Amino acid sequence: MTETRRLLKNLGARLSSGARDAVSRKQMPIVPPDNVAGRAMVLVIAIMTFLSCLTLGAVTLVRDTAATWQTQIAREATIQIKPEEGLDMTAALAQARDIAASYSGVLDASIVDAQATARLLEPWLGTGLDIDSLPVPRLVIVTVDPLSRPDFAGMRAELQETVANATLDDHRTWVDRLVAMARTTVTIGMSALVLMLSATALTVIFATRGAMAGNGHIIEVLHFVGAEAPFIASQFRRHFLLAGMKGAAAGGIGAILVFIGFYWWSSRNMATPEADQATALFGNFAIGPSGYIGVGAIVIVIAVLTAATTHVTVLSYLKSVDSTHPDSM
């Protein structure tokens, strides 16, 4: 009897000590906090976020630049007069200017003089040109009110009747082509963005399944002893949400640094021919507030997408476990 009491006393002491140790120990998560697969997934998410932000920035840049081009082109029209023998070019230009200026919606009509025309041709024909001795068309620039456009059809008909060899170009063809190009570019860019987000979701699914495969026995035991599926899914969701936020934030910051670098380069090299061509095409490479807001939105979307994809994947896995072992619940 005494020996039995002594054994029970020792067992009770051991159980109490084990309980205290269990309480004092920090609760270990189901998903390992850091491993090689987790770091690789964070790197993949960072790369995909970086590419997604660059794509969105490029789309924003093209869209804003196209809108600027469209606005500038829509504010001007051009009257071209081709030279011919016996034509008084000076009188024809003045007459065309007066006809254009007489229409409502025309803010200004100015003749491009011989010196300005020669400067336009210098890149191809060199300096010291005698415009009067060359069969070069002359131009009249018509500045129009974009809110109240003039009657170009009537202006074109009157010019053809009054001024010899005069043609009016309201740049409508160029504007239509520009709008079509911008829309096509935006569509391609957004399609690429959707593909990148889809690839990110697939990466998260594979990473989640890999983590569950490594801890499958623990998950099944927890599930079969009574742990509810939402609880287990929340453990994975929290882990992958933090990983997605880390990767997405790193990729977004990297993209912002690239945009700032391009803006700094364009602002420091404005006098070079390369910068002039780049500025003519894309402005000063500034994506504007909307671009930076878009980068932040992509970071949030990828983090949320990572958590949501993980949650759905875990619930699907546990559902398959239940269907495989229907008698265990």
Protein backbone atom coordinates (compact mmCIF):
# COMPACT_ATOMS: atom_id res chain seq x y z
CA MET A 1 0.00 0.00 0.00
CA THR A 2 2.83 2.33 0.88
CA GLU A 3 4.63 1.50 -2.35
CA THR A 4 1.46 2.22 -4.35
CA ARG A 5 1.04 5.61 -2.68
CA ARG A 6 4.65 6.46 -3.41
CA LEU A 7 4.24 5.59 -7.09
CA LEU A 8 1.04 7.65 -7.35
CA LYS A 9 2.74 10.59 -5.68
CA ASN A 10 5.68 10.47 -8.10
CA LEU A 11 3.32 10.17 -11.07
CA GLY A 12 1.30 13.15 -9.86
CA ALA A 13 4.45 15.23 -9.50
CA ARG A 14 5.59 14.31 -12.97
CA LEU A 15 2.17 15.15 -14.44
CA SER A 16 2.11 18.50 -12.66
CA SER A 17 5.62 19.31 -13.84
CA GLY A 18 4.71 18.35 -17.40
CA ALA A 19 1.59 20.47 -17.30
CA ARG A 20 3.56 23.48 -16.08
CA ASP A 21 6.14 22.95 -18.79
CA ALA A 22 3.41 22.69 -21.43
CA VAL A 23 1.83 25.92 -20.25
CA SER A 24 5.15 27.75 -20.08
CA ARG A 25 6.22 26.67 -23.52
CA LYS A 26 5.21 28.90 -26.41
CA GLN A 27 2.51 27.40 -28.60
CA MET A 28 4.04 26.13 -31.81
CA PRO A 29 2.17 26.99 -35.03
CA ILE A 30 0.92 24.33 -37.37
CA VAL A 31 2.87 25.82 -40.27
CA PRO A 32 6.63 26.25 -39.70
CA PRO A 33 7.33 29.98 -39.46
CA ASP A 34 10.37 29.92 -41.70
CA ASN A 35 11.77 27.36 -44.09
CA VAL A 36 13.33 27.16 -47.53
CA ALA A 37 10.00 26.71 -49.30
CA GLY A 38 8.53 29.69 -47.47
CA ARG A 39 11.44 31.96 -48.38
CA ALA A 40 11.24 30.83 -52.00
CA MET A 41 7.52 31.64 -52.09
CA VAL A 42 8.15 35.12 -50.66
CA LEU A 43 10.77 35.67 -53.37
CA VAL A 44 8.40 34.50 -56.11
CA ILE A 45 5.63 36.77 -54.82
CA ALA A 46 8.07 39.69 -54.71
CA ILE A 47 9.11 39.07 -58.32
CA MET A 48 5.53 38.71 -59.54
CA THR A 49 4.49 41.86 -57.66
CA PHE A 50 7.44 43.75 -59.13
CA LEU A 51 6.50 42.70 -62.67
CA SER A 52 2.81 43.44 -62.06
CA CYS A 53 3.61 46.93 -60.77
CA LEU A 54 5.90 47.60 -63.74
CA THR A 55 3.15 46.48 -66.09
CA LEU A 56 0.60 48.71 -64.40
CA GLY A 57 3.04 51.64 -64.42
CA ALA A 58 3.73 51.16 -68.13
CA VAL A 59 0.02 51.00 -68.90
CA THR A 60 -0.58 54.15 -66.84
CA LEU A 61 2.28 55.91 -68.59
CA VAL A 62 1.03 55.00 -72.07
CA ARG A 63 -2.55 55.94 -71.20
CA ASP A 64 -1.58 59.35 -69.77
CA THR A 65 0.80 60.08 -72.64
CA ALA A 66 -1.82 59.12 -75.22
CA ALA A 67 -4.36 61.36 -73.49
CA THR A 68 -1.86 64.25 -73.60
CA TRP A 69 -1.13 63.62 -77.30
CA GLN A 70 -4.83 63.43 -78.06
CA THR A 71 -5.50 66.71 -76.27
CA GLN A 72 -2.64 68.48 -78.01
CA ILE A 73 -3.54 67.16 -81.46
CA ALA A 74 -7.22 67.96 -80.97
CA ARG A 75 -6.34 71.60 -80.30
CA GLU A 76 -4.73 72.15 -83.68
CA ALA A 77 -5.50 71.72 -87.37
CA THR A 78 -3.20 72.28 -90.33
CA ILE A 79 -3.81 73.92 -93.69
CA GLN A 80 -1.29 72.82 -96.31
CA ILE A 81 -0.75 74.69 -99.57
CA LYS A 82 1.29 72.97 -102.25
CA PRO A 83 3.37 75.24 -104.49
CA GLU A 84 2.79 75.40 -108.21
CA GLU A 85 4.02 77.61 -111.01
CA GLY A 86 2.35 81.01 -111.02
CA LEU A 87 0.90 80.67 -107.49
CA ASP A 88 1.45 83.63 -105.19
CA MET A 89 2.29 81.64 -102.07
CA THR A 90 2.29 84.67 -99.75
CA ALA A 91 -1.19 85.75 -100.84
CA ALA A 92 -2.50 82.17 -100.69
CA LEU A 93 -1.23 81.72 -97.14
CA ALA A 94 -2.79 85.00 -96.02
CA GLN A 95 -6.10 84.11 -97.65
CA ALA A 96 -6.15 80.66 -96.05
CA ARG A 97 -5.35 82.17 -92.66
CA ASP A 98 -8.19 84.70 -92.97
CA ILE A 99 -10.69 82.01 -94.00
CA ALA A 100 -9.76 79.82 -91.04
CA ALA A 101 -9.86 82.72 -88.58
CA SER A 102 -13.39 83.64 -89.69
CA TYR A 103 -14.90 80.41 -88.33
CA SER A 104 -16.37 80.16 -84.84
CA GLY A 105 -14.29 77.96 -82.55
CA VAL A 106 -10.94 79.03 -84.06
CA LEU A 107 -8.77 80.67 -81.42
CA ASP A 108 -5.85 81.57 -83.68
CA ALA A 109 -4.53 81.04 -87.21
CA SER A 110 -0.84 81.65 -87.90
CA ILE A 111 1.39 81.18 -90.94
CA VAL A 112 4.53 79.09 -90.56
CA ASP A 113 7.08 81.44 -92.08
CA ALA A 114 9.98 80.47 -94.34
CA GLN A 115 12.55 80.44 -91.53
CA ALA A 116 10.44 78.11 -89.37
CA THR A 117 9.81 75.84 -92.36
CA ALA A 118 13.55 75.69 -93.05
CA ARG A 119 14.22 74.73 -89.43
CA LEU A 120 11.72 71.89 -89.72
CA LEU A 121 13.60 70.52 -92.75
CA GLU A 122 17.12 70.93 -91.33
CA PRO A 123 17.40 67.36 -89.93
CA TRP A 124 16.90 65.98 -93.47
CA LEU A 125 18.16 68.69 -95.85
CA GLY A 126 20.72 70.52 -93.73
CA THR A 127 21.07 74.23 -93.04
CA GLY A 128 21.04 77.22 -95.39
CA LEU A 129 17.94 76.19 -97.34
CA ASP A 130 16.26 78.53 -99.80
CA ILE A 131 12.61 77.63 -99.30
CA ASP A 132 11.45 79.76 -102.21
CA SER A 133 13.57 77.75 -104.63
CA LEU A 134 12.27 74.37 -103.41
CA PRO A 135 8.82 72.86 -104.04
CA VAL A 136 8.09 72.72 -100.32
CA PRO A 137 4.46 72.95 -99.11
CA ARG A 138 3.70 75.78 -96.72
CA LEU A 139 1.57 75.50 -93.62
CA VAL A 140 -0.98 77.48 -91.67
CA ILE A 141 -1.48 76.33 -88.07
CA VAL A 142 -5.05 76.68 -86.84
CA THR A 143 -5.58 76.60 -83.06
CA VAL A 144 -9.09 75.49 -82.15
CA ASP A 145 -11.18 75.46 -79.01
CA PRO A 146 -11.51 71.79 -77.91
CA LEU A 147 -14.83 72.58 -76.23
CA SER A 148 -16.31 74.26 -79.30
CA ARG A 149 -14.78 72.82 -82.43
CA PRO A 150 -15.27 74.71 -85.71
CA ASP A 151 -17.09 73.44 -88.78
CA PHE A 152 -14.17 71.67 -90.46
CA ALA A 153 -16.32 70.37 -93.29
CA GLY A 154 -17.41 73.88 -94.25
CA MET A 155 -13.87 75.24 -93.80
CA ARG A 156 -12.44 72.48 -96.01
CA ALA A 157 -14.98 73.13 -98.77
CA GLU A 158 -14.37 76.89 -98.71
CA LEU A 159 -10.62 76.47 -98.85
CA GLN A 160 -10.84 74.12 -101.85
CA GLU A 161 -13.02 76.64 -103.70
CA THR A 162 -10.99 79.75 -102.83
CA VAL A 163 -7.32 78.79 -102.38
CA ALA A 164 -5.54 76.72 -104.99
CA ASN A 165 -3.90 73.48 -103.81
CA ALA A 166 -5.08 74.00 -100.21
CA THR A 167 -5.97 71.01 -98.05
CA LEU A 168 -7.19 70.98 -94.46
CA ASP A 169 -6.06 68.28 -92.04
CA ASP A 170 -7.96 68.24 -88.75
CA HIS A 171 -5.78 65.33 -87.50
CA ARG A 172 -8.84 63.16 -86.96
CA THR A 173 -7.14 60.17 -88.58
CA TRP A 174 -4.13 60.49 -86.31
CA VAL A 175 -6.31 60.88 -83.24
CA ASP A 176 -8.29 57.75 -84.12
CA ARG A 177 -5.09 55.77 -84.65
CA LEU A 178 -3.67 57.08 -81.40
CA VAL A 179 -6.79 56.13 -79.45
CA ALA A 180 -6.78 52.65 -81.02
CA MET A 181 -3.08 52.19 -80.18
CA ALA A 182 -3.60 53.33 -76.58
CA ARG A 183 -6.59 51.03 -76.10
CA THR A 184 -4.71 48.08 -77.56
CA THR A 185 -1.71 48.74 -75.33
CA VAL A 186 -3.88 49.07 -72.24
CA THR A 187 -5.74 45.85 -73.11
CA ILE A 188 -2.49 43.93 -73.59
CA GLY A 189 -1.06 45.33 -70.38
CA MET A 190 -4.13 44.48 -68.32
CA SER A 191 -4.20 40.98 -69.82
CA ALA A 192 -0.57 40.50 -68.82
CA LEU A 193 -1.43 41.78 -65.33
CA VAL A 194 -4.25 39.25 -65.00
CA LEU A 195 -1.90 36.45 -66.10
CA MET A 196 0.67 37.52 -63.50
CA LEU A 197 -1.95 37.53 -60.74
CA SER A 198 -3.11 34.09 -61.88
CA ALA A 199 0.46 32.81 -61.78
CA THR A 200 0.82 34.23 -58.26
CA ALA A 201 -2.34 32.42 -57.16
CA LEU A 202 -1.07 29.14 -58.62
CA THR A 203 2.27 29.63 -56.83
CA VAL A 204 0.46 30.11 -53.54
CA ILE A 205 -1.66 26.99 -54.16
CA PHE A 206 1.45 24.86 -54.77
CA ALA A 207 3.20 26.33 -51.72
CA THR A 208 0.15 25.71 -49.54
CA ARG A 209 -0.16 22.12 -50.72
CA GLY A 210 3.55 21.62 -50.10
CA ALA A 211 3.24 22.96 -46.55
CA MET A 212 0.22 20.74 -45.94
CA ALA A 213 2.00 17.71 -47.33
CA GLY A 214 4.88 18.29 -44.91
CA ASN A 215 2.50 18.60 -41.99
CA GLY A 216 -0.26 16.34 -43.26
CA HIS A 217 -0.18 13.92 -40.34
CA ILE A 218 -0.46 16.75 -37.80
CA ILE A 219 -3.33 18.36 -39.70
CA GLU A 220 -5.25 15.11 -40.00
CA VAL A 221 -4.80 14.32 -36.29
CA LEU A 222 -5.97 17.78 -35.29
CA HIS A 223 -8.90 17.54 -37.65
CA PHE A 224 -9.96 14.08 -36.48
CA VAL A 225 -9.74 14.95 -32.75
CA GLY A 226 -12.12 17.86 -33.21
CA ALA A 227 -10.25 20.87 -34.64
CA GLU A 228 -12.63 22.60 -37.01
CA ALA A 229 -11.66 23.24 -40.61
CA PRO A 230 -11.96 27.07 -40.32
CA PHE A 231 -9.51 27.04 -37.39
CA ILE A 232 -6.90 25.03 -39.30
CA ALA A 233 -7.45 27.17 -42.40
CA SER A 234 -6.97 30.33 -40.33
CA GLN A 235 -3.54 29.11 -39.21
CA PHE A 236 -2.42 28.68 -42.81
CA ARG A 237 -4.14 31.91 -43.90
CA ARG A 238 -2.32 33.95 -41.26
CA HIS A 239 1.03 32.44 -42.18
CA PHE A 240 0.68 32.96 -45.92
CA LEU A 241 -0.89 36.41 -45.49
CA LEU A 242 2.25 37.57 -43.70
CA ALA A 243 4.43 35.94 -46.34
CA GLY A 244 2.38 37.52 -49.12
CA MET A 245 2.58 40.94 -47.48
CA LYS A 246 6.36 40.68 -47.18
CA GLY A 247 6.84 39.63 -50.80
CA ALA A 248 4.29 42.08 -52.19
CA ALA A 249 5.73 44.99 -50.22
CA ALA A 250 9.25 44.18 -51.41
CA GLY A 251 8.13 43.95 -55.03
CA GLY A 252 6.09 47.16 -54.82
CA ILE A 253 8.97 49.11 -53.27
CA GLY A 254 11.30 47.80 -55.98
CA ALA A 255 8.91 48.96 -58.72
CA ILE A 256 8.58 52.42 -57.13
CA LEU A 257 12.37 52.73 -57.02
CA VAL A 258 12.50 51.89 -60.74
CA PHE A 259 9.91 54.56 -61.54
CA ILE A 260 11.78 57.12 -59.46
CA GLY A 261 15.04 56.14 -61.18
CA PHE A 262 13.55 56.64 -64.64
CA TYR A 263 12.09 59.99 -63.62
CA TRP A 264 15.46 61.08 -62.20
CA TRP A 265 17.27 59.97 -65.36
CA SER A 266 14.87 61.81 -67.66
CA SER A 267 15.07 64.98 -65.58
CA ARG A 268 18.88 64.93 -65.51
CA ASN A 269 19.35 64.22 -69.24
CA MET A 270 16.87 66.58 -70.84
CA ALA A 271 19.49 68.06 -73.19
CA THR A 272 20.51 64.79 -74.87
CA PRO A 273 18.93 63.53 -78.12
CA GLU A 274 17.95 60.25 -76.44
CA ALA A 275 16.13 62.09 -73.68
CA ASP A 276 14.39 64.32 -76.23
CA GLN A 277 13.06 61.29 -78.08
CA ALA A 278 12.02 59.55 -74.86
CA THR A 279 10.32 62.71 -73.60
CA ALA A 280 8.48 63.12 -76.88
CA LEU A 281 7.16 59.58 -76.58
CA PHE A 282 6.57 59.17 -72.84
CA GLY A 283 6.83 62.61 -71.27
CA ASN A 284 9.08 62.73 -68.20
CA PHE A 285 8.43 59.08 -67.19
CA ALA A 286 6.28 60.23 -64.26
CA ILE A 287 3.40 57.83 -63.61
CA GLY A 288 1.65 60.36 -61.38
CA PRO A 289 -0.39 59.82 -58.21
CA SER A 290 -2.73 57.37 -59.93
CA GLY A 291 0.23 55.13 -60.81
CA TYR A 292 1.54 55.04 -57.24
CA ILE A 293 -1.96 54.40 -55.91
CA GLY A 294 -2.19 51.53 -58.38
CA VAL A 295 1.08 50.08 -57.08
CA GLY A 296 -0.28 50.18 -53.54
CA ALA A 297 -3.50 48.56 -54.70
CA ILE A 298 -1.58 45.73 -56.38
CA VAL A 299 0.40 45.10 -53.18
CA ILE A 300 -2.84 44.84 -51.18
CA VAL A 301 -4.55 42.71 -53.84
CA ILE A 302 -1.68 40.21 -53.97
CA ALA A 303 -1.54 39.94 -50.16
CA VAL A 304 -5.29 39.38 -49.94
CA LEU A 305 -5.18 37.00 -52.92
CA THR A 306 -2.49 34.98 -51.16
CA ALA A 307 -4.55 34.67 -47.97
CA ALA A 308 -7.80 33.88 -49.79
CA THR A 309 -6.17 31.29 -52.06
CA THR A 310 -4.58 29.61 -49.06
CA HIS A 311 -7.89 29.53 -47.16
CA VAL A 312 -9.76 27.94 -50.05
CA THR A 313 -6.96 25.43 -50.69
CA VAL A 314 -6.88 24.27 -47.05
CA LEU A 315 -10.66 23.89 -46.88
CA SER A 316 -10.61 21.90 -50.11
CA TYR A 317 -7.85 19.66 -48.71
CA LEU A 318 -9.74 19.01 -45.47
CA LYS A 319 -12.92 18.28 -47.42
CA SER A 320 -11.04 15.68 -49.44
CA VAL A 321 -9.72 14.20 -46.18
CA ASP A 322 -13.26 13.89 -44.84
CA SER A 323 -14.44 12.21 -48.04
CA THR A 324 -11.48 9.81 -47.95
CA HIS A 325 -12.01 8.86 -44.27
CA PRO A 326 -15.76 9.19 -43.70
CA ASP A 327 -15.73 6.90 -40.64
CA SER A 328 -13.07 8.88 -38.76
CA MET A 329 -15.37 11.80 -37.89
